[in-house]
């Protein structure tokens, strides 16, 4: 299976996650509220990395954020931080983020923001560099235990999003789909969009989770879902 741009890659099976990760995830899931941890400590930016091998091991369960270049990942991360100060830069040029950005949420978890795909105007050589970097990250990051795939509630289901979801699930990486920009739709339009995405992606009950960085809708639900699922790794 080939994925578009930075996330394009042939399928490979990820190595099994280490038992210590499951224990750490269960511990984090039972001793604190991740949302309250974010509200108390914020989402701390650790660094940007061109290669996964240079990324520090924060010894926390790790969640990665993926999606198209203009889907609103940075805005969602800022909303999840629960603080007014922005932790992720929102670019006006889709596809500008070309590094893997690493964040820490107190003692709860680590978050990575992967380069977006679908709009980036870069050379084929750079696209290939992105592909290798992200493939290496997905396969070699031992504490990576879950992915969040952001899709735009305003758009019809995209083939590139379906391919990425299939890729993540094939590689045994638990994934939750989140529909962004729901504040742009009225209630009837939103329900139609959520049903269309649910059916097109063949999602489990309760997905996609509706989310708005503007109104705060879905922040609590997403934090609770992530904490619960990671605790069950």
C-alpha atoms as a PDB file:
ATOM      1  CA  UNK A   1       0.000   0.000   0.000  1.00  0.00           C
ATOM      2  CA  UNK A   2       1.352   3.420  -0.924  1.00  0.00           C
ATOM      3  CA  UNK A   3       0.429   6.520   1.029  1.00  0.00           C
ATOM      4  CA  UNK A   4       0.589  10.114  -0.224  1.00  0.00           C
ATOM      5  CA  UNK A   5       3.604  12.392   0.190  1.00  0.00           C
ATOM      6  CA  UNK A   6       5.359  12.308   3.550  1.00  0.00           C
ATOM      7  CA  UNK A   7       3.338   9.348   4.831  1.00  0.00           C
ATOM      8  CA  UNK A   8       3.580   7.268   1.670  1.00  0.00           C
ATOM      9  CA  UNK A   9       5.145   3.913   2.512  1.00  0.00           C
ATOM     10  CA  UNK A  10       4.929   0.208   1.843  1.00  0.00           C
ATOM     11  CA  UNK A  11       3.254  -1.848   4.555  1.00  0.00           C
ATOM     12  CA  UNK A  12       5.430  -3.437   7.193  1.00  0.00           C
ATOM     13  CA  UNK A  13       4.401  -5.034  10.440  1.00  0.00           C
ATOM     14  CA  UNK A  14       5.511  -3.112  13.499  1.00  0.00           C
ATOM     15  CA  UNK A  15       7.463  -4.942  16.196  1.00  0.00           C
ATOM     16  CA  UNK A  16       5.495  -5.883  19.296  1.00  0.00           C
ATOM     17  CA  UNK A  17       5.474  -3.160  21.951  1.00  0.00           C
ATOM     18  CA  UNK A  18       7.513  -3.915  25.050  1.00  0.00           C
ATOM     19  CA  UNK A  19       5.655  -5.154  28.152  1.00  0.00           C
ATOM     20  CA  UNK A  20       6.976  -2.184  30.143  1.00  0.00           C
ATOM     21  CA  UNK A  21       4.914   0.113  27.935  1.00  0.00           C
ATOM     22  CA  UNK A  22       1.691  -1.626  28.849  1.00  0.00           C
ATOM     23  CA  UNK A  23       2.515  -1.369  32.536  1.00  0.00           C
ATOM     24  CA  UNK A  24       3.440   2.308  32.215  1.00  0.00           C
ATOM     25  CA  UNK A  25       0.268   3.042  30.289  1.00  0.00           C
ATOM     26  CA  UNK A  26      -1.931   1.306  32.845  1.00  0.00           C
ATOM     27  CA  UNK A  27      -0.184   3.179  35.639  1.00  0.00           C
ATOM     28  CA  UNK A  28      -0.629   6.550  33.937  1.00  0.00           C
ATOM     29  CA  UNK A  29      -4.224   5.711  33.169  1.00  0.00           C
ATOM     30  CA  UNK A  30      -5.156   4.983  36.770  1.00  0.00           C
ATOM     31  CA  UNK A  31      -3.224   7.561  38.775  1.00  0.00           C
ATOM     32  CA  UNK A  32      -4.204  10.856  37.135  1.00  0.00           C
ATOM     33  CA  UNK A  33      -6.547  12.584  34.747  1.00  0.00           C
ATOM     34  CA  UNK A  34      -4.682  13.318  31.533  1.00  0.00           C
ATOM     35  CA  UNK A  35      -6.882  16.322  30.809  1.00  0.00           C
ATOM     36  CA  UNK A  36      -6.228  17.790  34.259  1.00  0.00           C
ATOM     37  CA  UNK A  37      -2.521  17.092  33.813  1.00  0.00           C
ATOM     38  CA  UNK A  38      -2.625  19.078  30.560  1.00  0.00           C
ATOM     39  CA  UNK A  39      -4.535  21.907  32.212  1.00  0.00           C
ATOM     40  CA  UNK A  40      -2.064  22.004  35.113  1.00  0.00           C
ATOM     41  CA  UNK A  41       1.227  21.618  33.254  1.00  0.00           C
ATOM     42  CA  UNK A  42       0.254  22.410  29.675  1.00  0.00           C
ATOM     43  CA  UNK A  43       1.683  20.563  26.691  1.00  0.00           C
ATOM     44  CA  UNK A  44       5.426  21.188  26.770  1.00  0.00           C
ATOM     45  CA  UNK A  45       7.302  21.375  23.483  1.00  0.00           C
ATOM     46  CA  UNK A  46      10.399  19.153  23.670  1.00  0.00           C
ATOM     47  CA  UNK A  47      11.851  19.578  20.188  1.00  0.00           C
ATOM     48  CA  UNK A  48      11.629  19.016  16.436  1.00  0.00           C
ATOM     49  CA  UNK A  49      13.411  16.090  14.856  1.00  0.00           C
ATOM     50  CA  UNK A  50      14.229  15.163  11.288  1.00  0.00           C
ATOM     51  CA  UNK A  51      15.069  11.599  12.308  1.00  0.00           C
ATOM     52  CA  UNK A  52      13.472   9.455  15.058  1.00  0.00           C
ATOM     53  CA  UNK A  53      16.864   8.284  16.278  1.00  0.00           C
ATOM     54  CA  UNK A  54      17.518  11.746  17.654  1.00  0.00           C
ATOM     55  CA  UNK A  55      14.326  11.831  19.715  1.00  0.00           C
ATOM     56  CA  UNK A  56      14.647  11.400  23.506  1.00  0.00           C
ATOM     57  CA  UNK A  57      12.832   8.611  25.307  1.00  0.00           C
ATOM     58  CA  UNK A  58      10.437  10.332  27.717  1.00  0.00           C
ATOM     59  CA  UNK A  59       9.476   6.989  29.321  1.00  0.00           C
ATOM     60  CA  UNK A  60       5.795   7.728  28.844  1.00  0.00           C
ATOM     61  CA  UNK A  61       3.119   6.178  26.640  1.00  0.00           C
ATOM     62  CA  UNK A  62       3.318   8.001  23.320  1.00  0.00           C
ATOM     63  CA  UNK A  63       0.488   9.117  21.032  1.00  0.00           C
ATOM     64  CA  UNK A  64       1.018  10.377  17.506  1.00  0.00           C
ATOM     65  CA  UNK A  65      -1.145  12.883  15.622  1.00  0.00           C
ATOM     66  CA  UNK A  66      -1.586  12.427  11.877  1.00  0.00           C
ATOM     67  CA  UNK A  67      -3.654  14.032   9.145  1.00  0.00           C
ATOM     68  CA  UNK A  68      -3.726  16.180   6.045  1.00  0.00           C
ATOM     69  CA  UNK A  69      -1.745  19.399   5.994  1.00  0.00           C
ATOM     70  CA  UNK A  70      -4.743  21.695   6.480  1.00  0.00           C
ATOM     71  CA  UNK A  71      -6.836  19.522   8.794  1.00  0.00           C
ATOM     72  CA  UNK A  72      -6.141  21.512  11.956  1.00  0.00           C
ATOM     73  CA  UNK A  73      -3.729  19.292  13.906  1.00  0.00           C
ATOM     74  CA  UNK A  74      -1.791  22.209  15.381  1.00  0.00           C
ATOM     75  CA  UNK A  75      -4.994  23.965  16.429  1.00  0.00           C
ATOM     76  CA  UNK A  76      -6.249  20.740  18.003  1.00  0.00           C
ATOM     77  CA  UNK A  77      -3.007  20.303  19.944  1.00  0.00           C
ATOM     78  CA  UNK A  78      -3.257  23.862  21.223  1.00  0.00           C
ATOM     79  CA  UNK A  79      -6.848  23.193  22.308  1.00  0.00           C
ATOM     80  CA  UNK A  80      -5.843  19.972  24.066  1.00  0.00           C
ATOM     81  CA  UNK A  81      -3.199  21.846  26.040  1.00  0.00           C
ATOM     82  CA  UNK A  82      -5.959  23.594  27.982  1.00  0.00           C
ATOM     83  CA  UNK A  83      -3.922  26.801  28.130  1.00  0.00           C
ATOM     84  CA  UNK A  84      -4.085  30.134  26.363  1.00  0.00           C
ATOM     85  CA  UNK A  85      -0.437  30.058  25.298  1.00  0.00           C
ATOM     86  CA  UNK A  86      -0.068  28.195  22.032  1.00  0.00           C
ATOM     87  CA  UNK A  87       2.261  25.202  22.056  1.00  0.00           C
ATOM     88  CA  UNK A  88       2.091  24.437  18.336  1.00  0.00           C
ATOM     89  CA  UNK A  89       2.528  26.977  15.561  1.00  0.00           C
ATOM     90  CA  UNK A  90      -0.438  27.151  13.190  1.00  0.00           C
ATOM     91  CA  UNK A  91       0.987  27.645   9.712  1.00  0.00           C
ATOM     92  CA  UNK A  92      -0.949  29.549   7.073  1.00  0.00           C
ATOM     93  CA  UNK A  93       0.841  27.520   4.405  1.00  0.00           C
ATOM     94  CA  UNK A  94      -0.352  23.878   4.327  1.00  0.00           C
ATOM     95  CA  UNK A  95       2.462  21.343   4.379  1.00  0.00           C
ATOM     96  CA  UNK A  96       5.117  23.597   5.913  1.00  0.00           C
ATOM     97  CA  UNK A  97       5.711  21.379   8.956  1.00  0.00           C
ATOM     98  CA  UNK A  98       8.428  18.977   7.842  1.00  0.00           C
ATOM     99  CA  UNK A  99       9.745  17.642  11.141  1.00  0.00           C
ATOM    100  CA  UNK A 100       8.415  15.319  13.825  1.00  0.00           C
ATOM    101  CA  UNK A 101       7.484  17.552  16.758  1.00  0.00           C
ATOM    102  CA  UNK A 102       7.648  16.011  20.235  1.00  0.00           C
ATOM    103  CA  UNK A 103       5.620  17.220  23.243  1.00  0.00           C
ATOM    104  CA  UNK A 104       5.177  16.108  26.832  1.00  0.00           C
ATOM    105  CA  UNK A 105       1.990  16.291  28.907  1.00  0.00           C
ATOM    106  CA  UNK A 106       3.258  16.358  32.484  1.00  0.00           C
ATOM    107  CA  UNK A 107       3.614  12.801  33.773  1.00  0.00           C
ATOM    108  CA  UNK A 108       0.725  11.537  31.649  1.00  0.00           C
ATOM    109  CA  UNK A 109       1.962  10.958  28.119  1.00  0.00           C
ATOM    110  CA  UNK A 110       4.078  12.109  25.206  1.00  0.00           C
ATOM    111  CA  UNK A 111       2.600  13.404  21.939  1.00  0.00           C
ATOM    112  CA  UNK A 112       4.159  13.621  18.503  1.00  0.00           C
ATOM    113  CA  UNK A 113       2.876  15.745  15.642  1.00  0.00           C
ATOM    114  CA  UNK A 114       3.736  14.151  12.314  1.00  0.00           C
ATOM    115  CA  UNK A 115       4.259  16.175   9.126  1.00  0.00           C
ATOM    116  CA  UNK A 116       1.000  16.687   7.255  1.00  0.00           C
ATOM    117  CA  UNK A 117       0.380  15.350   3.792  1.00  0.00           C
ATOM    118  CA  UNK A 118      -1.690  16.201   0.743  1.00  0.00           C
ATOM    119  CA  UNK A 119      -0.731  19.795  -0.024  1.00  0.00           C
ATOM    120  CA  UNK A 120       2.988  20.191   0.547  1.00  0.00           C
ATOM    121  CA  UNK A 121       4.773  21.640  -2.479  1.00  0.00           C
ATOM    122  CA  UNK A 122       8.164  20.032  -2.108  1.00  0.00           C
ATOM    123  CA  UNK A 123      10.491  17.977  -4.263  1.00  0.00           C
ATOM    124  CA  UNK A 124      10.151  14.235  -4.701  1.00  0.00           C
ATOM    125  CA  UNK A 125      13.482  13.847  -2.930  1.00  0.00           C
ATOM    126  CA  UNK A 126      12.153  15.624   0.162  1.00  0.00           C
ATOM    127  CA  UNK A 127       8.937  13.595   0.020  1.00  0.00           C
ATOM    128  CA  UNK A 128      11.048  10.440   0.063  1.00  0.00           C
ATOM    129  CA  UNK A 129      13.026  11.740   3.045  1.00  0.00           C
ATOM    130  CA  UNK A 130       9.762  12.338   4.885  1.00  0.00           C
ATOM    131  CA  UNK A 131       8.523   8.866   4.020  1.00  0.00           C
ATOM    132  CA  UNK A 132      11.645   7.182   5.361  1.00  0.00           C
ATOM    133  CA  UNK A 133      11.647   9.284   8.527  1.00  0.00           C
ATOM    134  CA  UNK A 134       8.021   8.621   9.385  1.00  0.00           C
ATOM    135  CA  UNK A 135       8.200   4.950   8.489  1.00  0.00           C
ATOM    136  CA  UNK A 136      11.205   4.629  10.797  1.00  0.00           C
ATOM    137  CA  UNK A 137       9.326   6.440  13.567  1.00  0.00           C
ATOM    138  CA  UNK A 138       6.204   4.279  13.305  1.00  0.00           C
ATOM    139  CA  UNK A 139       8.208   1.068  13.289  1.00  0.00           C
ATOM    140  CA  UNK A 140      10.910   1.852  15.808  1.00  0.00           C
ATOM    141  CA  UNK A 141       9.380   4.028  18.534  1.00  0.00           C
ATOM    142  CA  UNK A 142       8.834   1.398  21.220  1.00  0.00           C
ATOM    143  CA  UNK A 143       6.570   3.488  23.466  1.00  0.00           C
ATOM    144  CA  UNK A 144       4.286   4.533  20.630  1.00  0.00           C
ATOM    145  CA  UNK A 145       0.939   2.960  21.480  1.00  0.00           C
ATOM    146  CA  UNK A 146      -1.786   4.936  19.718  1.00  0.00           C
ATOM    147  CA  UNK A 147      -2.499   7.250  16.784  1.00  0.00           C
ATOM    148  CA  UNK A 148      -5.058  10.015  16.306  1.00  0.00           C
ATOM    149  CA  UNK A 149      -6.104  10.513  12.697  1.00  0.00           C
ATOM    150  CA  UNK A 150      -7.645  13.937  12.130  1.00  0.00           C
ATOM    151  CA  UNK A 151     -10.067  14.359   9.225  1.00  0.00           C
ATOM    152  CA  UNK A 152     -11.944  17.476   8.109  1.00  0.00           C
ATOM    153  CA  UNK A 153     -15.678  17.321   8.873  1.00  0.00           C
ATOM    154  CA  UNK A 154     -16.297  19.785   6.043  1.00  0.00           C
ATOM    155  CA  UNK A 155     -14.873  17.516   3.360  1.00  0.00           C
ATOM    156  CA  UNK A 156     -16.064  14.281   1.818  1.00  0.00           C
ATOM    157  CA  UNK A 157     -14.122  11.176   2.941  1.00  0.00           C
ATOM    158  CA  UNK A 158     -10.650  11.321   1.370  1.00  0.00           C
ATOM    159  CA  UNK A 159      -8.915   8.328  -0.159  1.00  0.00           C
ATOM    160  CA  UNK A 160      -5.578   9.426   1.331  1.00  0.00           C
ATOM    161  CA  UNK A 161      -7.104   9.402   4.831  1.00  0.00           C
ATOM    162  CA  UNK A 162      -8.537   5.930   4.277  1.00  0.00           C
ATOM    163  CA  UNK A 163      -5.142   4.668   3.108  1.00  0.00           C
ATOM    164  CA  UNK A 164      -3.415   6.073   6.154  1.00  0.00           C
ATOM    165  CA  UNK A 165      -6.008   4.579   8.510  1.00  0.00           C
ATOM    166  CA  UNK A 166      -5.601   1.178   6.858  1.00  0.00           C
ATOM    167  CA  UNK A 167      -1.832   1.481   7.138  1.00  0.00           C
ATOM    168  CA  UNK A 168      -1.914   2.320  10.853  1.00  0.00           C
ATOM    169  CA  UNK A 169      -4.351  -0.469  11.675  1.00  0.00           C
ATOM    170  CA  UNK A 170      -2.465  -3.002   9.538  1.00  0.00           C
ATOM    171  CA  UNK A 171       0.626  -2.200  11.558  1.00  0.00           C
ATOM    172  CA  UNK A 172      -1.252  -2.954  14.791  1.00  0.00           C
ATOM    173  CA  UNK A 173      -1.294   0.665  15.937  1.00  0.00           C
ATOM    174  CA  UNK A 174      -4.582   1.447  17.637  1.00  0.00           C
ATOM    175  CA  UNK A 175      -6.125   4.501  15.961  1.00  0.00           C
ATOM    176  CA  UNK A 176      -8.989   6.849  16.766  1.00  0.00           C
ATOM    177  CA  UNK A 177     -10.476   9.082  14.061  1.00  0.00           C
ATOM    178  CA  UNK A 178     -11.355  12.668  15.008  1.00  0.00           C
ATOM    179  CA  UNK A 179     -13.438  15.001  12.813  1.00  0.00           C
ATOM    180  CA  UNK A 180     -12.204  18.598  13.072  1.00  0.00           C
ATOM    181  CA  UNK A 181     -13.746  21.995  12.287  1.00  0.00           C
ATOM    182  CA  UNK A 182     -17.206  20.887  13.402  1.00  0.00           C
ATOM    183  CA  UNK A 183     -18.057  24.461  14.378  1.00  0.00           C
ATOM    184  CA  UNK A 184     -18.216  25.305  10.671  1.00  0.00           C
ATOM    185  CA  UNK A 185     -21.296  23.086  10.223  1.00  0.00           C
ATOM    186  CA  UNK A 186     -24.837  23.364  11.528  1.00  0.00           C
ATOM    187  CA  UNK A 187     -26.250  20.437  13.491  1.00  0.00           C
ATOM    188  CA  UNK A 188     -27.891  18.740  10.508  1.00  0.00           C
ATOM    189  CA  UNK A 189     -24.762  19.109   8.372  1.00  0.00           C
ATOM    190  CA  UNK A 190     -22.584  17.812  11.202  1.00  0.00           C
ATOM    191  CA  UNK A 191     -24.673  14.686  11.736  1.00  0.00           C
ATOM    192  CA  UNK A 192     -24.614  13.967   8.000  1.00  0.00           C
ATOM    193  CA  UNK A 193     -20.842  14.440   7.887  1.00  0.00           C
ATOM    194  CA  UNK A 194     -20.196  12.212  10.907  1.00  0.00           C
ATOM    195  CA  UNK A 195     -22.379   9.445   9.487  1.00  0.00           C
ATOM    196  CA  UNK A 196     -20.685   9.673   6.097  1.00  0.00           C
ATOM    197  CA  UNK A 197     -17.219   9.450   7.628  1.00  0.00           C
ATOM    198  CA  UNK A 198     -18.288   6.643   9.969  1.00  0.00           C
ATOM    199  CA  UNK A 199     -19.578   4.540   7.075  1.00  0.00           C
ATOM    200  CA  UNK A 200     -16.784   5.340   4.593  1.00  0.00           C
ATOM    201  CA  UNK A 201     -14.017   4.464   7.050  1.00  0.00           C
ATOM    202  CA  UNK A 202     -15.948   1.554   8.612  1.00  0.00           C
ATOM    203  CA  UNK A 203     -15.359   2.988  12.087  1.00  0.00           C
ATOM    204  CA  UNK A 204     -16.401   1.535  15.444  1.00  0.00           C
ATOM    205  CA  UNK A 205     -19.299   3.025  17.382  1.00  0.00           C
ATOM    206  CA  UNK A 206     -18.617   6.539  18.666  1.00  0.00           C
ATOM    207  CA  UNK A 207     -16.215   7.488  15.877  1.00  0.00           C
ATOM    208  CA  UNK A 208     -15.309   9.857  14.473  1.00  0.00           C
ATOM    209  CA  UNK A 209     -15.160  11.989  17.589  1.00  0.00           C
ATOM    210  CA  UNK A 210     -16.484  15.478  16.692  1.00  0.00           C
ATOM    211  CA  UNK A 211     -13.930  18.151  17.604  1.00  0.00           C
ATOM    212  CA  UNK A 212     -13.660  21.940  17.410  1.00  0.00           C
ATOM    213  CA  UNK A 213     -10.600  23.898  18.429  1.00  0.00           C
ATOM    214  CA  UNK A 214     -12.720  27.048  18.398  1.00  0.00           C
ATOM    215  CA  UNK A 215     -15.528  25.982  20.731  1.00  0.00           C
ATOM    216  CA  UNK A 216     -13.702  23.301  22.722  1.00  0.00           C
ATOM    217  CA  UNK A 217     -16.169  20.613  21.676  1.00  0.00           C
ATOM    218  CA  UNK A 218     -14.614  17.147  21.898  1.00  0.00           C
ATOM    219  CA  UNK A 219     -11.610  18.074  24.050  1.00  0.00           C
ATOM    220  CA  UNK A 220     -12.843  16.214  27.137  1.00  0.00           C
ATOM    221  CA  UNK A 221     -14.111  13.280  25.077  1.00  0.00           C
ATOM    222  CA  UNK A 222     -10.817  12.863  23.233  1.00  0.00           C
ATOM    223  CA  UNK A 223      -8.677  13.050  26.374  1.00  0.00           C
ATOM    224  CA  UNK A 224     -10.908  10.506  28.116  1.00  0.00           C
ATOM    225  CA  UNK A 225     -10.864   8.170  25.120  1.00  0.00           C
ATOM    226  CA  UNK A 226      -7.063   8.297  24.812  1.00  0.00           C
ATOM    227  CA  UNK A 227      -6.498   7.695  28.501  1.00  0.00           C
ATOM    228  CA  UNK A 228      -8.915   4.779  28.636  1.00  0.00           C
ATOM    229  CA  UNK A 229      -7.608   3.058  25.521  1.00  0.00           C
ATOM    230  CA  UNK A 230      -3.917   3.491  26.356  1.00  0.00           C
ATOM    231  CA  UNK A 231      -4.560   2.093  29.833  1.00  0.00           C
ATOM    232  CA  UNK A 232      -5.856  -1.065  28.133  1.00  0.00           C
ATOM    233  CA  UNK A 233      -2.799  -1.535  25.906  1.00  0.00           C
END
